[in-house]
Amino acid sequence: MKKVAYISDDIYLKHDTGVMHPESKQRLVAIHQAIEPLLNNLVLVSPIKISTSIIESVHSLEYIENIKSISEYGGSIDSDTICSVDSYDAAFLAVGAGVVALDGIKAGKFERAFCAVRPPGHHATPMQAMGFCLFNNIAIAARYAQSIGYKKVMILDFDVHHGNGTQDTFWQDDTVFYFSSHQAFAYPGTGAETHRGEGKGKGYTANFLMMPESTDTELLDIYENDLPPFIDSFNPDIILVSAGYDLHESDPLASLNITTEGIGQMVRGILDTKDVPYIFF
């Protein structure tokens, strides 16, 4: 059995988005409670503090300093994207979780990792924080993975919302393949199936839309039939997953009918498709 790391920290609970905000600390509390019976089978790892240079692989120093400035006293980037006084530190350690996961895999300490972090990241473009997201954790992890030897990185994104920031980061890149399934007509309105990258990156982005009220059948068709040929042809050295569980039927901001069993079958299929390291965010 492959060893799996669980990477989290209480700092993520201090990222305070407000009482009514849908991206609250309770999301992480629920994850902690759910994995409690599995703790003896997991490698428990704490995130590490990283240098600014690692984040600069995706975001400019000016961008980083702006997040720091807004967080210093607490404030809003937009109506959805909130910074509290602890948000900057939490966001840095959210990136740090991906770094320690990659270092641990590279050192052979474990083969897979689940990073239970806040704030999330896949909407943050290289130039703009948005959609609850401050730093693009998974995009930065992809660049760090390449810096330590994982040259071909595949990113899978099954969040109900399209990861516009991740797509933008690798739009002209043929070393990172971005594959996304997401609800049609939902925020942020990007991710058309005709959007496949540009320049060297043309053909290295694949978007699959799910119509509102889609069920497990439509989801599993994408991950059992559409995804494997892309993995086979790209042949990644490592796979990173934006695991947004808001595609679940009980999510109040989504309009999909995806069950817990359907998500489980999808994830199992992802893990069985390619024998490479996996990190879930």
Protein backbone atom coordinates (compact mmCIF):
# COMPACT_ATOMS: atom_id res chain seq x y z
CA MET A 1 0.00 0.00 0.00
CA LYS A 2 1.29 3.45 -0.91
CA LYS A 3 2.08 5.81 1.97
CA VAL A 4 -0.10 8.92 2.07
CA ALA A 5 0.76 12.18 3.83
CA TYR A 6 -1.85 14.46 5.39
CA ILE A 7 -0.60 18.03 5.49
CA SER A 8 -2.41 20.75 7.40
CA ASP A 9 -1.97 23.39 10.12
CA ASP A 10 -4.14 25.39 12.53
CA ILE A 11 -3.00 28.62 10.85
CA TYR A 12 -5.47 27.85 8.07
CA LEU A 13 -8.34 28.18 10.55
CA LYS A 14 -7.24 31.76 11.28
CA HIS A 15 -7.90 32.92 7.71
CA ASP A 16 -11.11 34.75 8.65
CA THR A 17 -13.46 35.47 5.77
CA GLY A 18 -16.43 36.48 7.92
CA VAL A 19 -19.42 34.75 9.47
CA MET A 20 -21.52 34.42 6.30
CA HIS A 21 -18.74 33.68 3.82
CA PRO A 22 -19.11 30.26 2.09
CA GLU A 23 -15.34 29.59 2.26
CA SER A 24 -15.11 29.38 6.05
CA LYS A 25 -12.89 27.50 8.47
CA GLN A 26 -15.71 24.99 8.99
CA ARG A 27 -14.80 23.46 5.64
CA LEU A 28 -11.43 22.48 7.04
CA VAL A 29 -12.83 21.47 10.42
CA ALA A 30 -15.12 19.01 8.62
CA ILE A 31 -12.16 17.53 6.74
CA HIS A 32 -10.17 17.10 9.96
CA GLN A 33 -13.12 15.31 11.58
CA ALA A 34 -13.66 13.07 8.58
CA ILE A 35 -10.08 11.81 8.42
CA GLU A 36 -9.72 11.28 12.19
CA PRO A 37 -10.41 7.52 11.97
CA LEU A 38 -7.64 7.25 9.35
CA LEU A 39 -4.89 9.08 11.22
CA ASN A 40 -2.98 5.94 12.18
CA ASN A 41 -2.63 5.09 8.49
CA LEU A 42 -1.39 8.52 7.41
CA VAL A 43 1.97 10.27 7.56
CA LEU A 44 1.20 13.51 9.41
CA VAL A 45 3.27 16.42 8.12
CA SER A 46 3.27 20.14 8.89
CA PRO A 47 3.69 22.74 6.14
CA ILE A 48 6.91 24.71 5.99
CA LYS A 49 7.67 28.38 5.73
CA ILE A 50 8.89 29.14 2.25
CA SER A 51 10.82 31.94 0.60
CA THR A 52 9.08 34.60 -1.43
CA SER A 53 11.04 33.45 -4.46
CA ILE A 54 8.96 30.26 -4.66
CA ILE A 55 5.75 32.28 -4.96
CA GLU A 56 7.46 34.54 -7.49
CA SER A 57 7.52 31.58 -9.88
CA VAL A 58 3.87 32.51 -10.56
CA HIS A 59 3.14 35.90 -8.94
CA SER A 60 5.18 39.10 -9.03
CA LEU A 61 6.77 40.60 -5.92
CA GLU A 62 4.38 43.54 -6.28
CA TYR A 63 1.43 41.11 -6.20
CA ILE A 64 2.79 39.43 -3.07
CA GLU A 65 3.39 42.75 -1.31
CA ASN A 66 -0.16 43.84 -2.13
CA ILE A 67 -1.60 40.75 -0.40
CA LYS A 68 0.65 41.44 2.58
CA SER A 69 -0.46 45.08 2.75
CA ILE A 70 -4.18 44.27 2.60
CA SER A 71 -3.79 41.55 5.23
CA GLU A 72 -1.92 43.78 7.65
CA TYR A 73 -5.12 45.39 8.92
CA GLY A 74 -7.68 43.18 7.19
CA GLY A 75 -9.55 44.15 4.05
CA SER A 76 -11.16 43.03 0.82
CA ILE A 77 -9.66 42.51 -2.62
CA ASP A 78 -13.18 42.17 -4.01
CA SER A 79 -16.58 41.27 -2.58
CA ASP A 80 -15.66 37.56 -2.47
CA THR A 81 -11.94 37.68 -1.68
CA ILE A 82 -11.19 38.64 1.91
CA CYS A 83 -7.93 39.16 3.79
CA SER A 84 -7.87 39.05 7.58
CA VAL A 85 -4.81 39.83 9.68
CA ASP A 86 -3.73 36.17 9.52
CA SER A 87 -4.52 35.59 5.84
CA TYR A 88 -1.06 36.42 4.49
CA ASP A 89 0.62 33.92 6.82
CA ALA A 90 -2.04 31.30 6.09
CA ALA A 91 -1.64 31.81 2.35
CA PHE A 92 2.15 31.47 2.59
CA LEU A 93 1.79 28.21 4.52
CA ALA A 94 -0.84 26.99 2.05
CA VAL A 95 1.85 27.22 -0.61
CA GLY A 96 4.28 25.67 1.88
CA ALA A 97 2.08 22.59 2.17
CA GLY A 98 2.59 21.85 -1.52
CA VAL A 99 6.33 22.38 -1.21
CA VAL A 100 6.70 20.02 1.76
CA ALA A 101 4.52 17.46 -0.04
CA LEU A 102 6.79 17.56 -3.07
CA ASP A 103 9.95 17.41 -0.98
CA GLY A 104 8.58 14.44 0.96
CA ILE A 105 7.66 12.56 -2.21
CA LYS A 106 11.04 13.32 -3.76
CA ALA A 107 12.78 12.01 -0.63
CA GLY A 108 10.72 8.80 -0.68
CA LYS A 109 8.96 9.48 2.63
CA PHE A 110 5.54 8.93 1.05
CA GLU A 111 4.07 8.54 -2.45
CA ARG A 112 0.90 10.61 -2.21
CA ALA A 113 -0.26 13.63 -0.24
CA PHE A 114 -3.46 15.44 0.69
CA CYS A 115 -2.97 19.13 1.49
CA ALA A 116 -5.89 20.37 3.60
CA VAL A 117 -5.27 24.10 3.29
CA ARG A 118 -6.91 27.51 3.21
CA PRO A 119 -7.15 29.89 1.45
CA PRO A 120 -7.75 28.05 -1.84
CA GLY A 121 -5.89 29.01 -4.99
CA HIS A 122 -7.06 28.02 -8.46
CA HIS A 123 -8.85 31.29 -9.32
CA ALA A 124 -5.81 33.45 -8.55
CA THR A 125 -4.25 34.51 -11.85
CA PRO A 126 -0.61 35.57 -12.08
CA MET A 127 -1.84 39.18 -11.86
CA GLN A 128 -5.05 39.10 -9.79
CA ALA A 129 -6.30 37.50 -6.57
CA MET A 130 -9.99 36.61 -6.91
CA GLY A 131 -12.68 34.02 -6.19
CA PHE A 132 -11.68 33.42 -2.53
CA CYS A 133 -8.09 32.77 -3.72
CA LEU A 134 -4.93 34.68 -2.78
CA PHE A 135 -1.94 32.70 -4.13
CA ASN A 136 -2.41 29.97 -6.74
CA ASN A 137 -1.19 27.10 -4.57
CA ILE A 138 -1.34 24.39 -7.22
CA ALA A 139 0.28 26.48 -9.97
CA ILE A 140 3.16 27.34 -7.65
CA ALA A 141 3.45 23.67 -6.68
CA ALA A 142 3.69 22.76 -10.36
CA ARG A 143 6.57 25.18 -10.88
CA TYR A 144 8.30 23.94 -7.72
CA ALA A 145 7.84 20.33 -8.86
CA GLN A 146 9.62 21.19 -12.09
CA SER A 147 12.45 22.83 -10.17
CA ILE A 148 13.16 19.56 -8.32
CA GLY A 149 12.99 17.27 -11.34
CA TYR A 150 9.35 16.58 -12.20
CA LYS A 151 9.54 18.11 -15.67
CA LYS A 152 6.10 17.15 -16.99
CA VAL A 153 3.31 18.08 -14.57
CA MET A 154 -0.38 17.35 -15.07
CA ILE A 155 -3.01 19.30 -13.16
CA LEU A 156 -6.50 17.84 -12.79
CA ASP A 157 -9.24 20.16 -11.54
CA PHE A 158 -12.67 18.82 -10.62
CA ASP A 159 -13.88 21.86 -8.68
CA VAL A 160 -17.39 22.90 -9.74
CA HIS A 161 -15.85 26.21 -10.85
CA HIS A 162 -13.28 26.53 -13.60
CA GLY A 163 -9.73 27.23 -12.41
CA ASN A 164 -9.18 30.29 -14.57
CA GLY A 165 -6.02 31.29 -12.71
CA THR A 166 -4.38 27.91 -13.25
CA GLN A 167 -5.36 27.89 -16.91
CA ASP A 168 -3.97 31.41 -17.40
CA THR A 169 -0.66 30.49 -15.76
CA PHE A 170 0.05 27.63 -18.17
CA TRP A 171 -1.85 28.88 -21.26
CA GLN A 172 1.29 28.94 -23.42
CA ASP A 173 3.18 26.14 -21.69
CA ASP A 174 3.66 22.64 -23.09
CA THR A 175 5.29 21.26 -19.92
CA VAL A 176 2.16 21.55 -17.74
CA PHE A 177 -1.11 19.98 -18.89
CA TYR A 178 -4.27 21.49 -17.39
CA PHE A 179 -7.42 19.32 -17.41
CA SER A 180 -10.64 20.68 -15.91
CA SER A 181 -14.23 19.56 -15.52
CA HIS A 182 -16.63 22.22 -14.26
CA GLN A 183 -20.24 23.33 -14.28
CA ALA A 184 -21.29 25.28 -17.34
CA PHE A 185 -22.45 28.89 -16.88
CA ALA A 186 -20.96 29.08 -13.36
CA TYR A 187 -18.38 31.51 -11.92
CA PRO A 188 -16.00 32.72 -13.30
CA GLY A 189 -17.46 32.10 -16.77
CA THR A 190 -14.22 30.78 -18.29
CA GLY A 191 -13.16 27.32 -19.43
CA ALA A 192 -14.92 26.82 -22.75
CA GLU A 193 -14.22 23.49 -24.42
CA THR A 194 -12.73 25.39 -27.38
CA HIS A 195 -10.09 26.91 -25.08
CA ARG A 196 -7.07 24.63 -25.53
CA GLY A 197 -4.08 26.91 -25.01
CA GLU A 198 -1.98 29.05 -27.34
CA GLY A 199 1.49 28.96 -28.87
CA LYS A 200 3.57 26.10 -27.47
CA GLY A 201 0.72 25.43 -25.06
CA LYS A 202 -1.89 24.75 -27.72
CA GLY A 203 -3.43 21.36 -26.99
CA TYR A 204 -2.16 21.31 -23.39
CA THR A 205 -5.41 22.61 -21.89
CA ALA A 206 -8.58 20.50 -21.90
CA ASN A 207 -11.91 21.73 -20.53
CA PHE A 208 -15.04 19.64 -20.07
CA LEU A 209 -18.36 21.26 -19.22
CA MET A 210 -21.07 19.66 -17.13
CA MET A 211 -24.54 21.05 -17.61
CA PRO A 212 -26.54 22.03 -14.49
CA GLU A 213 -28.21 18.98 -12.93
CA SER A 214 -25.54 16.63 -14.28
CA THR A 215 -25.20 13.37 -12.34
CA ASP A 216 -22.51 10.83 -11.51
CA THR A 217 -22.99 9.37 -15.00
CA GLU A 218 -21.78 12.51 -16.74
CA LEU A 219 -18.92 13.05 -14.28
CA LEU A 220 -17.63 9.50 -14.52
CA ASP A 221 -17.85 9.53 -18.30
CA ILE A 222 -15.34 12.41 -18.30
CA TYR A 223 -12.91 10.76 -15.87
CA GLU A 224 -13.21 7.20 -17.14
CA ASN A 225 -13.29 7.89 -20.88
CA ASP A 226 -12.03 11.39 -21.69
CA LEU A 227 -9.19 11.78 -19.17
CA PRO A 228 -7.10 8.59 -19.67
CA PRO A 229 -6.07 9.31 -23.29
CA PHE A 230 -4.74 12.73 -22.22
CA ILE A 231 -2.71 11.14 -19.42
CA ASP A 232 -1.38 8.47 -21.78
CA SER A 233 -0.33 10.95 -24.46
CA PHE A 234 1.19 13.54 -22.08
CA ASN A 235 2.80 10.91 -19.83
CA PRO A 236 3.27 13.13 -16.75
CA ASP A 237 5.96 12.67 -14.11
CA ILE A 238 3.56 13.78 -11.37
CA ILE A 239 -0.15 14.63 -11.10
CA LEU A 240 -1.52 17.48 -8.97
CA VAL A 241 -5.24 17.68 -8.25
CA SER A 242 -7.40 20.71 -7.48
CA ALA A 243 -9.90 18.72 -5.43
CA GLY A 244 -12.84 21.06 -5.06
CA TYR A 245 -15.60 19.04 -3.46
CA ASP A 246 -18.17 21.76 -4.14
CA LEU A 247 -19.37 19.68 -7.07
CA HIS A 248 -21.27 17.63 -4.47
CA GLU A 249 -25.06 17.62 -4.68
CA SER A 250 -25.39 19.29 -1.25
CA ASP A 251 -23.30 22.36 -2.13
CA PRO A 252 -25.54 25.48 -2.02
CA LEU A 253 -23.53 27.36 -4.67
CA ALA A 254 -23.59 24.58 -7.26
CA SER A 255 -26.25 22.95 -9.43
CA LEU A 256 -24.85 19.47 -9.90
CA ASN A 257 -26.25 16.17 -8.63
CA ILE A 258 -22.97 14.45 -7.84
CA THR A 259 -23.06 11.97 -4.95
CA THR A 260 -20.41 11.05 -2.39
CA GLU A 261 -20.17 7.65 -4.06
CA GLY A 262 -19.67 9.25 -7.46
CA ILE A 263 -16.84 11.43 -6.18
CA GLY A 264 -15.22 8.43 -4.53
CA GLN A 265 -15.37 6.42 -7.75
CA MET A 266 -13.93 9.34 -9.70
CA VAL A 267 -10.99 9.76 -7.30
CA ARG A 268 -10.30 6.04 -7.26
CA GLY A 269 -10.24 6.06 -11.05
CA ILE A 270 -7.84 9.01 -11.12
CA LEU A 271 -5.43 7.24 -8.75
CA ASP A 272 -5.58 4.01 -10.76
CA THR A 273 -4.93 5.65 -14.14
CA LYS A 274 -1.20 6.32 -13.81
CA ASP A 275 1.46 5.03 -11.42
CA VAL A 276 3.02 8.38 -10.56
CA PRO A 277 3.02 10.53 -7.42
CA TYR A 278 -0.24 12.38 -6.67
CA ILE A 279 -0.87 15.48 -4.55
CA PHE A 280 -4.41 16.65 -3.80
CA PHE A 281 -5.13 20.23 -2.77
